[in-house]
Protein backbone atom coordinates (compact mmCIF):
# COMPACT_ATOMS: atom_id res chain seq x y z
CA MET A 1 33.62 33.98 -27.29
CA ARG A 2 33.88 32.10 -24.00
CA LYS A 3 32.09 34.90 -22.17
CA ILE A 4 29.22 34.83 -24.64
CA LEU A 5 28.96 31.04 -24.37
CA LEU A 6 29.03 31.25 -20.56
CA LEU A 7 26.36 33.98 -20.61
CA LEU A 8 24.11 31.97 -22.96
CA THR A 9 24.53 28.84 -20.81
CA THR A 10 23.68 30.76 -17.65
CA LEU A 11 20.59 32.29 -19.28
CA PHE A 12 19.47 28.88 -20.53
CA ILE A 13 19.83 27.33 -17.06
CA LEU A 14 18.01 30.17 -15.35
CA ASN A 15 15.24 30.12 -17.94
CA SER A 16 14.70 26.38 -17.59
CA CYS A 17 14.16 26.60 -13.82
CA THR A 18 10.69 27.49 -12.70
CA LEU A 19 9.25 28.53 -9.38
CA GLU A 20 5.82 27.23 -10.31
CA PRO A 21 4.47 24.58 -7.94
CA ASP A 22 4.43 21.01 -9.20
CA PRO A 23 1.23 20.13 -11.02
CA GLN A 24 -1.37 18.20 -9.05
CA PRO A 25 -0.83 14.47 -9.21
CA ASP A 26 -3.08 12.70 -11.67
CA TYR A 27 -3.92 9.99 -9.17
CA ASN A 28 -5.43 9.50 -5.70
CA ILE A 29 -4.54 7.00 -3.01
CA GLU A 30 -7.30 4.64 -1.84
CA PHE A 31 -7.53 1.48 0.23
CA ILE A 32 -8.97 -1.68 -1.34
CA ALA A 33 -10.85 -4.15 0.86
CA ALA A 34 -9.22 -7.51 1.44
CA ASP A 35 -11.28 -10.44 0.15
CA GLY A 36 -9.19 -13.02 1.98
CA VAL A 37 -5.80 -13.67 3.53
CA ILE A 38 -3.38 -16.56 3.77
CA VAL A 39 -1.31 -16.52 6.96
CA PRO A 40 0.85 -19.12 8.68
CA ALA A 41 -0.91 -21.33 11.25
CA SER A 42 1.74 -20.32 13.80
CA VAL A 43 5.13 -18.60 13.87
CA ILE A 44 8.45 -19.28 15.57
CA LYS A 45 10.51 -16.45 17.04
CA GLY A 46 13.34 -15.34 14.76
CA ARG A 47 11.84 -16.76 11.55
CA THR A 48 10.40 -14.97 8.51
CA TYR A 49 6.95 -15.68 7.08
CA GLU A 50 4.90 -14.70 4.05
CA VAL A 51 1.35 -13.31 4.22
CA THR A 52 -0.80 -13.16 1.08
CA VAL A 53 -3.75 -10.79 0.71
CA ALA A 54 -6.40 -11.24 -2.01
CA TYR A 55 -8.46 -8.27 -3.21
CA THR A 56 -10.67 -7.19 -6.11
CA LYS A 57 -9.81 -4.23 -8.34
CA PRO A 58 -12.91 -2.12 -9.17
CA THR A 59 -11.55 -0.79 -12.50
CA GLY A 60 -8.38 -0.68 -14.57
CA CYS A 61 -7.45 2.62 -12.92
CA TYR A 62 -6.54 0.88 -9.65
CA LEU A 63 -2.86 -0.02 -9.42
CA PHE A 64 -1.35 -1.77 -6.41
CA ASP A 65 0.93 0.68 -4.60
CA ARG A 66 1.94 -0.98 -1.33
CA PHE A 67 0.65 -2.31 1.96
CA HIS A 68 -0.29 0.42 4.41
CA THR A 69 0.47 -0.64 7.98
CA GLU A 70 0.00 1.00 11.33
CA LYS A 71 0.13 -0.09 14.95
CA ASP A 72 -3.12 -0.35 16.94
CA GLY A 73 -2.18 -1.41 20.48
CA ASP A 74 -0.91 -4.98 20.19
CA ALA A 75 -2.44 -5.36 16.71
CA ILE A 76 -1.06 -4.37 13.31
CA LEU A 77 -3.58 -2.82 10.90
CA ILE A 78 -2.92 -3.74 7.26
CA ALA A 79 -4.62 -2.35 4.15
CA VAL A 80 -4.01 -2.76 0.42
CA GLN A 81 -3.10 0.71 -0.81
CA ALA A 82 -3.80 1.52 -4.46
CA ALA A 83 -2.92 4.45 -6.68
CA VAL A 84 -6.08 5.36 -8.60
CA ARG A 85 -5.60 7.23 -11.86
CA ASN A 86 -7.88 10.24 -12.27
CA GLU A 87 -9.19 9.38 -15.70
CA SER A 88 -12.77 9.41 -16.81
CA GLU A 89 -12.17 6.49 -19.17
CA CYS A 90 -11.02 3.67 -16.94
CA LYS A 91 -11.45 0.15 -18.21
CA LYS A 92 -14.54 -1.34 -16.61
CA TYR A 93 -14.07 -5.04 -16.07
CA GLU A 94 -16.69 -7.43 -17.40
CA VAL A 95 -15.35 -10.05 -15.00
CA GLU A 96 -14.05 -8.98 -11.58
CA GLN A 97 -10.26 -8.72 -11.44
CA HIS A 98 -8.98 -10.62 -8.43
CA GLU A 99 -5.37 -10.09 -7.49
CA GLU A 100 -3.03 -11.15 -4.72
CA GLN A 101 -0.02 -9.45 -3.20
CA SER A 102 2.28 -10.75 -0.49
CA PHE A 103 4.55 -9.34 2.17
CA THR A 104 6.94 -10.93 4.61
CA PHE A 105 7.40 -10.34 8.31
CA THR A 106 9.88 -11.64 10.82
CA CYS A 107 8.82 -12.57 14.32
CA PRO A 108 11.44 -10.90 16.54
CA ILE A 109 13.52 -13.26 18.65
CA ASP A 110 12.53 -11.26 21.75
CA TYR A 111 8.78 -11.06 20.93
CA ALA A 112 7.00 -11.02 24.31
CA LEU A 113 3.37 -11.79 23.38
CA ASP A 114 1.91 -15.24 22.79
CA CYS A 115 0.32 -14.32 19.43
CA TYR A 116 0.56 -11.86 16.56
CA ILE A 117 -2.65 -9.95 15.86
CA PHE A 118 -3.20 -8.70 12.33
CA LYS A 119 -6.27 -6.69 11.36
CA PHE A 120 -6.89 -6.63 7.60
CA TYR A 121 -8.97 -3.77 6.17
CA THR A 122 -12.23 -5.15 4.71
CA GLY A 123 -14.00 -1.92 3.73
CA LEU A 124 -16.52 0.46 5.25
CA ASP A 125 -19.73 -0.43 7.03
CA ASP A 126 -23.10 1.30 6.45
CA ASN A 127 -22.03 4.15 8.75
CA GLY A 128 -18.74 4.73 6.92
CA ILE A 129 -16.65 3.15 9.68
CA LYS A 130 -13.64 1.04 8.67
CA THR A 131 -14.04 -2.69 9.24
CA TYR A 132 -11.31 -5.27 9.73
CA GLU A 133 -10.86 -9.03 9.72
CA GLN A 134 -8.82 -9.89 12.81
CA VAL A 135 -6.38 -12.80 12.58
CA LYS A 136 -4.46 -14.15 15.57
CA ILE A 137 -1.31 -16.16 14.85
CA PRO A 138 0.12 -18.13 17.81
CA VAL A 139 3.82 -17.60 18.55
CA ARG A 140 5.79 -20.74 19.36
CA LYS A 141 9.19 -20.80 20.98
């Protein structure tokens, strides 16, 4: 009886595993243009600060995912990253949906430059080139 039970369990486990690739995700990742930002007037080395980014969601299919960041020389590029559901019936807003998300950053105690430079993604220009709003934040000692 134990052998039959072991055999049936093994067959069930093997049958439930599949070598098929995972189905395609039902969403895409897109960047949403920043409408405005709230940053500190200046920062002090070793302290933590909050930055708030305002943006407008085009439809109900756009869900905030995270902030995408990357280094660009001395500047930090920041974009609102959204997961966009691939549905043909997304809720179209009658009134624009403005949202805000925040992140924190700490100015390192050994930061060598005299200002932080953030570049916030603001969309694409007429030639399809990414545009940014550059913000310089002085670093105090």
